[in-house]
Amino acid sequence: MILEMKVPSPGESIKEVEIATWLVKDGDYVEKDQAIAEVDSDKATLELPAEMSGVITLKAEEGDTVAVGAVVCLIDTDAAKPAGGAAEAPAAEAPKAEAPKAEVKAEAPKAAPVQAPAATSYAAGTPSPAARKILDEKNIAPATVSGTGKGGRITKDDAVNAVPSMGTPTGGSRGTERTKLSMLRRKVAERLVSAKNETAMLTTFNEVNMTPINQIRNEYKDAFKAKHGGLGLGFMSFFTKAVTRALQLYPDVNSMMDGDYKIAYDFADISIAVSGPKGLMVPVVRNAELLTFRGIEAEIKRLALRARDGQITVDDMTGGTFTITNGGVFGSMLSTPIINPPQSGILGMHNIIERPIAVNGKVEIHPMMYVALSYDHRIIDGRESVGFLVAVKEALENPVELLMNGDAKRALEL
């Protein structure tokens, strides 16, 4: 029986996927539930398992965009499974005596005919309308492109393959490589441009003295790790708790625009931006306002491992009412994060640097972090945005009282 394998729907809003990588070759024998391909959607990279055992015939190439429900391969379920070991090659037969060949007199090599230059016409160097549009988008002058069309005309393919001049070379390697972006990368780019063009985005800044959090981590991180099965006590749980508290104080930051309406949420689903092998991913910690420090750390670790291993699902990244991104892990000191639409706010964390600050009239050295809140000014006013960020700062600088109800050991479940 020949089984047609169709692309399953990764999610309700996804209509097409891209074949990122075939994990098997045409004609291979595959087992049921064996991963045979990785497919990219605009939200995640997913594995495609074989529905039955048999010999596979591929019907799509890597890089092809296929609709959900389209046939991408065939599996012959009646095909016999090959033997486990490779059969020994039969002994080679003795070569048969070849019949004598007639002698061929060697001839002097003929001179290669000189090819006449391609005829050119008044159209030489003139781009077609489609080619001109592409060249204008690339800001490339037609005079710098060699046309391969009739009479030297610049074709659409010429325009697509044209690259801007990089100046006069002075030596050294100057190789280039043109690769197609994954569907996930293209969707991220589309959403980032959309956020810049369709929202009234502003960013407000503040700084946080990280000394109190460092003191708690230094005092309890070993006990926390021992008590909770190797789970680390990081900064993200403190920031997530501070954000959920601030969202309760300033609910407009936890809302979204929907045409002429505002949608407000009484829960905090916090999206955590992580860098995966396939690009930026934003899995969601559900109902973060109800989780303990241990619960937040465990969920972030679970989602980060799934993103790193390419096992993140569409459901893991669906929803979210507010986003936290940490550019500090890459050494960023200050940035203006871009809103994750349709959300209205995103908090940017940065690296921690020891700096001199004034404390009670004296200069002291403390570990400091700049924090940034980018927000949609259509729905969040300056009072709410600044108040929100100040509330986050206050909670981080006084975590025992504002985030742990005065008892750090109890809050950390020690």
Protein backbone atom coordinates (compact mmCIF):
# COMPACT_ATOMS: atom_id res chain seq x y z
CA MET A 1 0.00 0.00 0.00
CA ILE A 2 1.24 3.50 -0.85
CA LEU A 3 0.63 5.96 1.99
CA GLU A 4 0.47 9.65 1.18
CA MET A 5 2.01 11.73 3.96
CA LYS A 6 0.50 15.19 4.18
CA VAL A 7 1.67 18.23 6.12
CA PRO A 8 -0.26 18.36 9.41
CA SER A 9 -1.54 21.68 10.71
CA PRO A 10 0.94 23.10 13.27
CA GLY A 11 -1.62 25.64 14.46
CA GLU A 12 -4.95 27.21 13.65
CA SER A 13 -3.53 30.32 11.96
CA ILE A 14 -0.78 28.57 9.97
CA LYS A 15 -1.61 27.89 6.31
CA GLU A 16 1.79 26.87 4.91
CA VAL A 17 5.18 25.57 6.03
CA GLU A 18 8.65 25.28 4.56
CA ILE A 19 10.66 22.07 4.26
CA ALA A 20 13.77 23.07 6.23
CA THR A 21 15.66 19.75 6.21
CA TRP A 22 14.97 16.20 5.09
CA LEU A 23 16.35 13.84 7.73
CA VAL A 24 16.12 10.86 5.36
CA LYS A 25 17.01 10.26 1.72
CA ASP A 26 14.77 9.29 -1.17
CA GLY A 27 14.41 5.47 -1.13
CA ASP A 28 15.36 5.02 2.54
CA TYR A 29 13.45 2.62 4.74
CA VAL A 30 11.81 4.50 7.65
CA GLU A 31 10.22 3.25 10.85
CA LYS A 32 6.89 4.42 12.17
CA ASP A 33 7.19 7.65 14.25
CA GLN A 34 10.77 8.20 13.01
CA ALA A 35 11.50 11.89 12.38
CA ILE A 36 11.82 12.25 8.62
CA ALA A 37 11.91 16.05 8.19
CA GLU A 38 12.11 19.38 9.95
CA VAL A 39 9.52 21.91 8.80
CA ASP A 40 9.56 25.64 9.50
CA SER A 41 6.37 27.54 10.18
CA ASP A 42 6.19 31.25 10.91
CA LYS A 43 6.21 30.44 14.64
CA ALA A 44 8.40 27.39 15.22
CA THR A 45 10.41 24.54 13.72
CA LEU A 46 8.67 21.18 14.04
CA GLU A 47 9.62 17.58 13.30
CA LEU A 48 7.54 15.54 10.86
CA PRO A 49 7.27 11.88 12.00
CA ALA A 50 6.65 8.95 9.66
CA GLU A 51 3.07 7.70 9.93
CA MET A 52 3.98 4.12 8.95
CA SER A 53 7.04 1.98 8.29
CA GLY A 54 8.19 1.51 4.71
CA VAL A 55 10.30 2.88 1.86
CA ILE A 56 9.96 6.62 1.43
CA THR A 57 9.72 8.62 -1.78
CA LEU A 58 10.23 12.37 -1.38
CA LYS A 59 7.84 14.68 -3.23
CA ALA A 60 9.23 18.05 -2.09
CA GLU A 61 12.68 19.60 -2.00
CA GLU A 62 14.41 21.34 0.89
CA GLY A 63 13.41 24.99 0.86
CA ASP A 64 10.03 24.35 -0.79
CA THR A 65 7.01 26.14 0.67
CA VAL A 66 4.06 23.75 0.84
CA ALA A 67 0.49 24.23 1.96
CA VAL A 68 -0.86 22.53 5.07
CA GLY A 69 -2.47 19.29 3.87
CA ALA A 70 -0.21 18.95 0.82
CA VAL A 71 1.51 15.62 0.07
CA VAL A 72 5.26 15.84 0.76
CA CYS A 73 6.24 12.18 0.52
CA LEU A 74 4.98 8.65 -0.16
CA ILE A 75 5.63 5.59 2.00
CA ASP A 76 5.44 2.09 0.48
CA THR A 77 4.25 0.09 3.47
CA ASP A 78 4.54 -3.22 1.56
CA ALA A 79 8.26 -2.82 0.96
CA ALA A 80 10.47 -5.30 2.82
CA LYS A 81 12.78 -3.99 5.50
CA PRO A 82 16.41 -4.36 4.40
CA ALA A 83 18.68 -6.76 6.28
CA GLY A 84 20.53 -5.30 9.24
CA GLY A 85 24.03 -5.90 7.82
CA ALA A 86 25.20 -5.05 4.39
CA ALA A 87 25.46 -8.12 2.19
CA GLU A 88 28.92 -9.02 1.07
CA ALA A 89 29.58 -8.11 -2.50
CA PRO A 90 29.84 -11.19 -4.78
CA ALA A 91 33.25 -12.12 -6.00
CA ALA A 92 34.15 -10.13 -9.00
CA GLU A 93 34.01 -12.05 -12.22
CA ALA A 94 37.15 -12.42 -14.23
CA PRO A 95 37.20 -9.71 -16.86
CA LYS A 96 36.35 -10.96 -20.28
CA ALA A 97 38.90 -10.60 -22.99
CA GLU A 98 38.13 -7.55 -24.97
CA ALA A 99 37.82 -7.79 -28.69
CA PRO A 100 40.68 -6.18 -30.50
CA LYS A 101 39.86 -2.66 -31.49
CA ALA A 102 40.71 -1.17 -34.76
CA GLU A 103 43.59 1.20 -34.64
CA VAL A 104 42.67 4.82 -34.93
CA LYS A 105 45.19 7.16 -36.37
CA ALA A 106 45.89 10.14 -34.19
CA GLU A 107 44.88 13.36 -35.81
CA ALA A 108 46.34 16.75 -35.12
CA PRO A 109 44.08 18.71 -32.80
CA LYS A 110 41.93 21.22 -34.61
CA ALA A 111 41.98 24.82 -33.55
CA ALA A 112 38.93 25.76 -31.56
CA PRO A 113 36.66 28.01 -33.56
CA VAL A 114 36.64 31.62 -32.40
CA GLN A 115 33.19 32.49 -31.09
CA ALA A 116 31.82 35.72 -32.37
CA PRO A 117 30.80 38.22 -29.72
CA ALA A 118 27.10 38.28 -28.91
CA ALA A 119 25.24 40.76 -31.00
CA THR A 120 24.10 43.84 -29.14
CA SER A 121 21.38 46.28 -29.98
CA TYR A 122 19.88 49.54 -28.79
CA ALA A 123 18.31 47.51 -25.92
CA ALA A 124 21.71 46.58 -24.43
CA GLY A 125 21.80 47.52 -20.77
CA THR A 126 18.11 48.34 -20.69
CA PRO A 127 16.19 46.56 -17.91
CA SER A 128 12.78 45.06 -18.39
CA PRO A 129 10.02 46.65 -16.25
CA ALA A 130 10.23 43.84 -13.65
CA ALA A 131 14.03 44.08 -13.59
CA ARG A 132 13.92 47.86 -13.20
CA LYS A 133 11.64 47.56 -10.20
CA ILE A 134 14.02 45.10 -8.50
CA LEU A 135 17.08 47.24 -9.30
CA ASP A 136 15.35 50.34 -7.88
CA GLU A 137 14.55 48.46 -4.67
CA LYS A 138 18.21 47.39 -4.40
CA ASN A 139 19.41 50.91 -5.34
CA ILE A 140 21.59 49.46 -8.13
CA ALA A 141 22.25 51.44 -11.32
CA PRO A 142 21.36 49.47 -14.49
CA ALA A 143 24.69 50.54 -16.04
CA THR A 144 26.53 48.35 -13.52
CA VAL A 145 24.61 45.19 -14.51
CA SER A 146 25.48 42.97 -17.48
CA GLY A 147 22.39 41.88 -19.34
CA THR A 148 22.02 38.30 -20.56
CA GLY A 149 18.78 38.80 -22.42
CA LYS A 150 18.25 39.26 -26.14
CA GLY A 151 20.43 42.03 -27.44
CA GLY A 152 21.99 42.55 -24.00
CA ARG A 153 18.71 43.44 -22.27
CA ILE A 154 18.74 43.11 -18.46
CA THR A 155 16.31 40.37 -17.42
CA LYS A 156 14.53 39.82 -14.13
CA ASP A 157 17.02 37.06 -13.24
CA ASP A 158 19.90 39.46 -13.88
CA ALA A 159 18.34 41.95 -11.48
CA VAL A 160 17.66 39.31 -8.81
CA ASN A 161 21.27 38.10 -8.94
CA ALA A 162 22.79 41.59 -9.05
CA VAL A 163 24.64 42.77 -5.96
CA PRO A 164 25.59 46.36 -5.05
CA SER A 165 29.15 47.43 -5.73
CA MET A 166 31.45 46.98 -2.74
CA GLY A 167 34.07 49.42 -4.07
CA THR A 168 37.42 48.77 -5.69
CA PRO A 169 39.05 45.66 -4.19
CA THR A 170 42.50 46.05 -2.66
CA GLY A 171 43.29 42.38 -2.05
CA GLY A 172 42.19 39.67 0.32
CA SER A 173 39.18 37.40 0.27
CA ARG A 174 35.95 39.01 -0.93
CA GLY A 175 33.60 36.05 -1.18
CA THR A 176 29.85 36.42 -0.80
CA GLU A 177 27.06 33.97 -0.01
CA ARG A 178 23.34 34.36 -0.70
CA THR A 179 21.05 32.19 1.45
CA LYS A 180 17.30 32.22 1.82
CA LEU A 181 15.95 33.22 5.22
CA SER A 182 13.92 30.59 7.06
CA MET A 183 10.18 31.11 7.30
CA LEU A 184 10.55 31.78 11.03
CA ARG A 185 13.23 34.44 10.41
CA ARG A 186 11.10 36.09 7.70
CA LYS A 187 8.08 36.18 10.01
CA VAL A 188 10.12 37.70 12.84
CA ALA A 189 11.37 40.38 10.43
CA GLU A 190 7.83 41.07 9.26
CA ARG A 191 6.52 41.41 12.82
CA LEU A 192 9.38 43.71 13.88
CA VAL A 193 8.78 46.05 10.95
CA SER A 194 5.03 45.91 11.65
CA ALA A 195 5.60 46.90 15.27
CA LYS A 196 7.70 49.90 14.22
CA ASN A 197 5.22 51.03 11.56
CA GLU A 198 1.87 50.34 13.24
CA THR A 199 2.44 51.36 16.87
CA ALA A 200 3.27 54.66 18.55
CA MET A 201 6.27 53.11 20.29
CA LEU A 202 8.23 55.01 22.91
CA THR A 203 10.89 53.86 25.38
CA THR A 204 11.50 55.02 28.95
CA PHE A 205 14.59 54.12 31.00
CA ASN A 206 15.62 53.65 34.60
CA GLU A 207 18.41 51.95 36.54
CA VAL A 208 18.31 49.28 39.23
CA ASN A 209 20.72 48.66 42.10
CA MET A 210 21.17 44.89 41.99
CA THR A 211 22.89 44.62 45.39
CA PRO A 212 19.81 43.31 47.32
CA ILE A 213 19.13 40.56 44.74
CA ASN A 214 22.80 39.59 44.65
CA GLN A 215 22.81 39.28 48.44
CA ILE A 216 19.76 36.98 48.37
CA ARG A 217 21.22 34.84 45.59
CA ASN A 218 24.59 34.54 47.31
CA GLU A 219 22.96 33.54 50.57
CA TYR A 220 20.40 31.05 49.28
CA LYS A 221 21.41 29.85 45.80
CA ASP A 222 23.22 26.73 47.04
CA ALA A 223 20.35 25.72 49.35
CA PHE A 224 17.84 26.51 46.57
CA LYS A 225 19.72 24.30 44.11
CA ALA A 226 20.03 21.45 46.60
CA LYS A 227 16.37 21.62 47.66
CA HIS A 228 14.89 21.89 44.16
CA GLY A 229 16.77 19.23 42.22
CA GLY A 230 19.57 21.28 40.71
CA LEU A 231 17.37 24.25 39.75
CA GLY A 232 19.31 27.51 39.76
CA LEU A 233 18.13 30.73 41.39
CA GLY A 234 18.61 33.25 38.59
CA PHE A 235 17.62 36.84 37.93
CA MET A 236 14.63 36.00 35.71
CA SER A 237 12.42 34.87 38.60
CA PHE A 238 12.98 38.19 40.40
CA PHE A 239 12.26 40.21 37.27
CA THR A 240 9.18 38.14 36.42
CA LYS A 241 7.79 38.58 39.94
CA ALA A 242 8.53 42.32 39.80
CA VAL A 243 6.80 42.61 36.42
CA THR A 244 3.65 40.73 37.48
CA ARG A 245 3.39 42.97 40.57
CA ALA A 246 3.78 46.11 38.44
CA LEU A 247 1.18 44.86 35.93
CA GLN A 248 -1.35 44.59 38.75
CA LEU A 249 -0.57 48.18 39.77
CA TYR A 250 -0.71 49.48 36.18
CA PRO A 251 -3.15 47.24 34.27
CA ASP A 252 -3.03 49.38 31.08
CA VAL A 253 0.45 47.97 30.43
CA ASN A 254 -1.15 44.51 30.46
CA SER A 255 -3.69 45.34 27.75
CA MET A 256 -3.87 45.33 23.95
CA MET A 257 -5.45 47.34 21.14
CA ASP A 258 -8.19 45.68 19.08
CA GLY A 259 -9.41 48.21 16.56
CA ASP A 260 -11.38 50.81 18.51
CA TYR A 261 -11.37 48.69 21.67
CA LYS A 262 -8.95 47.91 24.47
CA ILE A 263 -8.63 44.35 25.75
CA ALA A 264 -7.52 44.15 29.39
CA TYR A 265 -6.37 40.95 31.08
CA ASP A 266 -6.62 39.97 34.74
CA PHE A 267 -3.78 37.45 34.34
CA ALA A 268 -0.12 37.83 33.39
CA ASP A 269 1.19 35.52 30.65
CA ILE A 270 4.82 36.58 30.41
CA SER A 271 6.64 36.00 27.12
CA ILE A 272 10.36 35.36 27.60
CA ALA A 273 12.52 36.17 24.57
CA VAL A 274 15.18 33.49 24.04
CA SER A 275 17.70 32.96 21.26
CA GLY A 276 17.38 29.51 19.69
CA PRO A 277 19.26 27.78 16.86
CA LYS A 278 16.54 28.87 14.43
CA GLY A 279 16.44 32.49 15.62
CA LEU A 280 14.50 34.52 18.15
CA MET A 281 11.72 32.64 19.96
CA VAL A 282 9.31 33.94 22.57
CA PRO A 283 7.77 31.12 24.66
CA VAL A 284 5.17 32.05 27.26
CA VAL A 285 5.09 31.48 31.03
CA ARG A 286 1.36 31.10 31.73
CA ASN A 287 -0.23 32.78 34.76
CA ALA A 288 3.16 33.90 36.02
CA GLU A 289 1.44 35.92 38.77
CA LEU A 290 0.46 32.63 40.46
CA LEU A 291 3.90 30.99 40.30
CA THR A 292 6.51 30.91 43.04
CA PHE A 293 10.19 31.65 42.46
CA ARG A 294 10.76 27.92 42.05
CA GLY A 295 7.85 27.58 39.65
CA ILE A 296 9.06 30.45 37.45
CA GLU A 297 12.64 29.17 37.31
CA ALA A 298 11.46 25.64 36.47
CA GLU A 299 9.16 26.82 33.68
CA ILE A 300 11.74 29.13 32.13
CA LYS A 301 14.31 26.33 32.19
CA ARG A 302 11.86 23.91 30.55
CA LEU A 303 10.98 26.35 27.78
CA ALA A 304 14.61 27.39 27.19
CA LEU A 305 15.70 23.75 26.81
CA ARG A 306 12.88 23.07 24.35
CA ALA A 307 13.85 26.14 22.32
CA ARG A 308 17.54 25.15 22.32
CA ASP A 309 16.75 21.58 21.23
CA GLY A 310 14.33 22.71 18.53
CA GLN A 311 11.36 21.09 20.29
CA ILE A 312 9.39 24.26 20.99
CA THR A 313 5.77 24.09 19.82
CA VAL A 314 3.40 26.68 18.44
CA ASP A 315 1.31 26.41 21.60
CA ASP A 316 4.38 27.22 23.72
CA MET A 317 4.65 30.57 21.93
CA THR A 318 0.98 31.44 21.49
CA GLY A 319 -0.45 34.30 23.51
CA GLY A 320 1.43 36.36 26.05
CA THR A 321 0.36 39.68 27.52
CA PHE A 322 3.80 41.20 28.22
CA THR A 323 7.39 40.37 27.19
CA ILE A 324 10.75 40.36 28.99
CA THR A 325 13.96 40.28 26.96
CA ASN A 326 17.48 40.06 28.37
CA GLY A 327 20.11 41.53 26.08
CA GLY A 328 22.48 41.59 29.04
CA VAL A 329 23.44 37.96 28.45
CA PHE A 330 25.14 39.14 25.24
CA GLY A 331 26.77 42.14 26.92
CA SER A 332 24.29 44.86 25.96
CA MET A 333 24.46 47.86 28.30
CA LEU A 334 21.47 49.77 26.91
CA SER A 335 18.91 49.22 24.16
CA THR A 336 15.38 50.07 23.03
CA PRO A 337 13.52 46.74 22.72
CA ILE A 338 10.80 46.45 20.09
CA ILE A 339 7.25 45.63 21.17
CA ASN A 340 6.07 42.07 20.51
CA PRO A 341 2.68 42.71 18.80
CA PRO A 342 -0.16 42.63 19.65
CA GLN A 343 1.23 43.26 23.14
CA SER A 344 1.63 46.83 24.34
CA GLY A 345 4.83 46.63 26.39
CA ILE A 346 8.22 44.95 26.66
CA LEU A 347 10.85 45.19 29.40
CA GLY A 348 14.51 45.13 28.39
CA MET A 349 17.14 43.86 30.83
CA HIS A 350 20.82 44.64 30.33
CA ASN A 351 24.22 43.71 31.68
CA ILE A 352 25.22 44.41 35.27
CA ILE A 353 28.14 46.80 35.71
CA GLU A 354 29.68 48.05 38.94
CA ARG A 355 29.37 51.85 38.99
CA PRO A 356 29.74 54.59 41.59
CA ILE A 357 26.40 55.92 42.88
CA ALA A 358 25.38 58.27 45.68
CA VAL A 359 23.97 56.46 48.75
CA ASN A 360 22.95 58.60 51.72
CA GLY A 361 25.30 61.37 50.63
CA LYS A 362 28.26 59.04 50.09
CA VAL A 363 29.75 57.57 46.93
CA GLU A 364 29.56 53.77 46.86
CA ILE A 365 30.27 51.12 44.23
CA HIS A 366 27.24 48.94 43.43
CA PRO A 367 26.25 46.50 40.66
CA MET A 368 23.86 48.49 38.47
CA MET A 369 21.58 47.53 35.58
CA TYR A 370 19.82 49.80 33.12
CA VAL A 371 16.24 48.73 32.37
CA ALA A 372 14.09 49.91 29.47
CA LEU A 373 10.34 49.79 28.90
CA SER A 374 9.13 50.15 25.32
CA TYR A 375 5.37 50.72 25.15
CA ASP A 376 2.57 51.60 22.75
CA HIS A 377 1.66 55.22 23.46
CA ARG A 378 -1.74 54.73 21.80
CA ILE A 379 -2.93 52.82 24.84
CA ILE A 380 -0.37 53.57 27.59
CA ASP A 381 0.22 57.12 28.78
CA GLY A 382 3.45 58.49 30.19
CA ARG A 383 2.19 58.30 33.77
CA GLU A 384 1.47 54.57 33.50
CA SER A 385 4.68 53.72 31.66
CA VAL A 386 6.98 55.61 34.02
CA GLY A 387 5.02 54.42 37.07
CA PHE A 388 5.27 50.83 35.87
CA LEU A 389 9.04 50.98 35.44
CA VAL A 390 9.48 52.68 38.82
CA ALA A 391 7.39 49.92 40.42
CA VAL A 392 9.67 47.31 38.83
CA LYS A 393 12.73 49.17 40.13
CA GLU A 394 11.31 49.43 43.66
CA ALA A 395 10.48 45.73 43.80
CA LEU A 396 13.94 44.71 42.58
CA GLU A 397 15.68 46.98 45.08
CA ASN A 398 13.52 45.78 47.97
CA PRO A 399 12.68 42.17 47.01
CA VAL A 400 12.27 40.72 50.51
CA GLU A 401 9.50 43.13 51.45
CA LEU A 402 7.76 43.62 48.10
CA LEU A 403 8.22 40.21 46.42
CA MET A 404 8.73 37.78 49.33
CA ASN A 405 6.31 39.07 51.98
CA GLY A 406 9.20 39.67 54.36
CA ASP A 407 10.37 36.03 54.45
CA ALA A 408 12.96 35.04 51.85
CA LYS A 409 13.33 31.43 52.98
CA ARG A 410 9.61 30.81 52.80
CA ALA A 411 9.29 32.49 49.41
CA LEU A 412 12.08 30.30 48.07
CA GLU A 413 10.44 27.20 49.61
CA LEU A 414 13.50 26.35 51.68
